[in-house]
Amino acid sequence: MNSELRKAKIFVQSRHAGILCETDEGYTFTYDRDYLAGENALAVSLTLPQPVPYRFRRL
């Protein structure tokens, strides 16, 4: 079962960029669609450049 334990809103230059979720299997990060559609949308980090959901075992 992949239940969410905690969530964090991630901001880039005061703009809501996405959601980081902790689950019992690790972590996921998903970019906010409105953020990606806006002008000058920057990647949260060099390891998170694409607008796809990311899954990690640990941070």
N, C-alpha and C. Protein backbone atom coordinates (compact mmCIF):
# COMPACT_ATOMS: atom_id res chain seq x y z
N MET A 1 0.85 -1.19 0.00
CA MET A 1 0.00 0.00 0.00
C MET A 1 0.88 1.24 0.00
N ASN A 2 0.53 2.24 -0.76
CA ASN A 2 1.34 3.43 -0.92
C ASN A 2 0.62 4.64 -0.32
N SER A 3 0.47 4.67 0.99
CA SER A 3 -0.25 5.75 1.65
C SER A 3 0.67 6.95 1.88
N GLU A 4 0.10 8.14 1.79
CA GLU A 4 0.87 9.36 2.02
C GLU A 4 1.01 9.63 3.51
N LEU A 5 2.22 9.86 3.94
CA LEU A 5 2.49 10.15 5.34
C LEU A 5 2.56 11.65 5.59
N ARG A 6 3.30 12.34 4.72
CA ARG A 6 3.45 13.80 4.85
C ARG A 6 3.53 14.43 3.47
N LYS A 7 3.14 15.72 3.37
CA LYS A 7 3.22 16.47 2.13
C LYS A 7 3.88 17.82 2.41
N ALA A 8 4.60 18.33 1.40
CA ALA A 8 5.21 19.65 1.51
C ALA A 8 5.01 20.39 0.19
N LYS A 9 4.60 21.65 0.29
CA LYS A 9 4.52 22.50 -0.89
C LYS A 9 5.92 23.02 -1.17
N ILE A 10 6.37 22.91 -2.43
CA ILE A 10 7.69 23.36 -2.83
C ILE A 10 7.54 24.64 -3.64
N PHE A 11 8.33 25.66 -3.27
CA PHE A 11 8.28 26.95 -3.93
C PHE A 11 9.62 27.28 -4.59
N VAL A 12 9.55 27.94 -5.74
CA VAL A 12 10.73 28.46 -6.43
C VAL A 12 10.49 29.95 -6.62
N GLN A 13 11.34 30.76 -6.03
CA GLN A 13 11.20 32.22 -6.10
C GLN A 13 9.78 32.67 -5.75
N SER A 14 9.28 32.17 -4.65
CA SER A 14 7.95 32.52 -4.10
C SER A 14 6.78 32.03 -4.94
N ARG A 15 7.02 31.16 -5.91
CA ARG A 15 5.95 30.60 -6.74
C ARG A 15 5.80 29.11 -6.41
N HIS A 16 4.56 28.67 -6.19
CA HIS A 16 4.30 27.26 -5.88
C HIS A 16 4.69 26.42 -7.09
N ALA A 17 5.70 25.55 -6.93
CA ALA A 17 6.23 24.77 -8.04
C ALA A 17 5.75 23.32 -8.04
N GLY A 18 5.38 22.79 -6.88
CA GLY A 18 4.95 21.40 -6.85
C GLY A 18 4.75 20.89 -5.45
N ILE A 19 4.52 19.58 -5.37
CA ILE A 19 4.25 18.91 -4.10
C ILE A 19 5.24 17.76 -3.92
N LEU A 20 5.86 17.72 -2.74
CA LEU A 20 6.71 16.60 -2.34
C LEU A 20 5.92 15.79 -1.33
N CYS A 21 5.76 14.49 -1.60
CA CYS A 21 5.00 13.61 -0.70
C CYS A 21 5.90 12.51 -0.17
N GLU A 22 5.79 12.26 1.13
CA GLU A 22 6.45 11.10 1.73
C GLU A 22 5.42 9.98 1.79
N THR A 23 5.79 8.80 1.32
CA THR A 23 4.91 7.64 1.37
C THR A 23 5.64 6.53 2.12
N ASP A 24 4.96 5.43 2.35
CA ASP A 24 5.61 4.32 3.02
C ASP A 24 6.63 3.63 2.11
N GLU A 25 6.67 3.97 0.82
CA GLU A 25 7.64 3.41 -0.13
C GLU A 25 8.76 4.38 -0.48
N GLY A 26 8.70 5.61 -0.02
CA GLY A 26 9.71 6.61 -0.33
C GLY A 26 9.09 7.99 -0.51
N TYR A 27 9.50 8.70 -1.57
CA TYR A 27 9.05 10.06 -1.81
C TYR A 27 8.65 10.24 -3.26
N THR A 28 7.72 11.16 -3.50
CA THR A 28 7.37 11.55 -4.87
C THR A 28 7.36 13.07 -4.95
N PHE A 29 7.73 13.58 -6.10
CA PHE A 29 7.62 15.00 -6.37
C PHE A 29 6.89 15.16 -7.68
N THR A 30 5.88 16.05 -7.69
CA THR A 30 5.11 16.33 -8.89
C THR A 30 5.02 17.84 -9.06
N TYR A 31 5.40 18.31 -10.26
CA TYR A 31 5.30 19.73 -10.56
C TYR A 31 3.84 20.16 -10.66
N ASP A 32 3.56 21.39 -10.26
CA ASP A 32 2.24 22.00 -10.39
C ASP A 32 2.03 22.42 -11.85
N ARG A 33 0.91 22.07 -12.44
CA ARG A 33 0.64 22.39 -13.86
C ARG A 33 0.64 23.89 -14.12
N ASP A 34 0.06 24.67 -13.21
CA ASP A 34 0.03 26.12 -13.39
C ASP A 34 1.43 26.71 -13.37
N TYR A 35 2.29 26.16 -12.52
CA TYR A 35 3.67 26.62 -12.45
C TYR A 35 4.37 26.36 -13.78
N LEU A 36 4.22 25.16 -14.32
CA LEU A 36 4.87 24.82 -15.58
C LEU A 36 4.34 25.64 -16.75
N ALA A 37 3.06 26.02 -16.69
CA ALA A 37 2.46 26.80 -17.77
C ALA A 37 2.85 28.27 -17.71
N GLY A 38 3.36 28.72 -16.57
CA GLY A 38 3.72 30.12 -16.41
C GLY A 38 5.03 30.47 -17.10
N GLU A 39 5.25 31.76 -17.23
CA GLU A 39 6.49 32.24 -17.83
C GLU A 39 7.67 31.97 -16.91
N ASN A 40 8.81 31.66 -17.51
CA ASN A 40 10.06 31.49 -16.79
C ASN A 40 10.00 30.42 -15.70
N ALA A 41 9.30 29.34 -15.96
CA ALA A 41 9.25 28.23 -14.98
C ALA A 41 10.62 27.57 -14.92
N LEU A 42 11.21 27.57 -13.73
CA LEU A 42 12.52 26.98 -13.52
C LEU A 42 12.38 25.59 -12.92
N ALA A 43 13.35 24.73 -13.21
CA ALA A 43 13.37 23.41 -12.58
C ALA A 43 13.66 23.59 -11.09
N VAL A 44 13.06 22.76 -10.27
CA VAL A 44 13.29 22.80 -8.83
C VAL A 44 14.75 22.48 -8.53
N SER A 45 15.32 21.54 -9.28
CA SER A 45 16.74 21.22 -9.16
C SER A 45 17.22 20.63 -10.49
N LEU A 46 18.51 20.49 -10.64
CA LEU A 46 19.06 19.91 -11.86
C LEU A 46 18.65 18.45 -12.03
N THR A 47 18.34 17.77 -10.94
CA THR A 47 17.92 16.37 -11.01
C THR A 47 16.42 16.21 -11.22
N LEU A 48 15.68 17.31 -11.27
CA LEU A 48 14.22 17.27 -11.48
C LEU A 48 13.84 18.18 -12.65
N PRO A 49 14.38 17.95 -13.85
CA PRO A 49 14.15 18.89 -14.94
C PRO A 49 12.85 18.69 -15.72
N GLN A 50 12.27 17.51 -15.70
CA GLN A 50 11.12 17.19 -16.53
C GLN A 50 9.81 17.31 -15.77
N PRO A 51 8.72 17.63 -16.48
CA PRO A 51 7.41 17.73 -15.81
C PRO A 51 6.72 16.38 -15.66
N VAL A 52 7.42 15.41 -15.10
CA VAL A 52 6.84 14.09 -14.85
C VAL A 52 6.92 13.82 -13.35
N PRO A 53 6.07 12.95 -12.82
CA PRO A 53 6.20 12.61 -11.39
C PRO A 53 7.52 11.86 -11.14
N TYR A 54 8.24 12.26 -10.12
CA TYR A 54 9.50 11.64 -9.73
C TYR A 54 9.28 10.79 -8.49
N ARG A 55 9.94 9.65 -8.46
CA ARG A 55 9.85 8.76 -7.30
C ARG A 55 11.26 8.47 -6.77
N PHE A 56 11.41 8.54 -5.46
CA PHE A 56 12.70 8.33 -4.81
C PHE A 56 12.52 7.36 -3.66
N ARG A 57 13.52 6.54 -3.41
CA ARG A 57 13.50 5.66 -2.24
C ARG A 57 13.84 6.46 -0.99
N ARG A 58 14.78 7.44 -1.14
CA ARG A 58 15.17 8.30 -0.01
C ARG A 58 15.62 9.64 -0.55
N LEU A 59 15.61 10.64 0.30
CA LEU A 59 16.06 11.97 -0.10
C LEU A 59 17.50 12.17 0.28
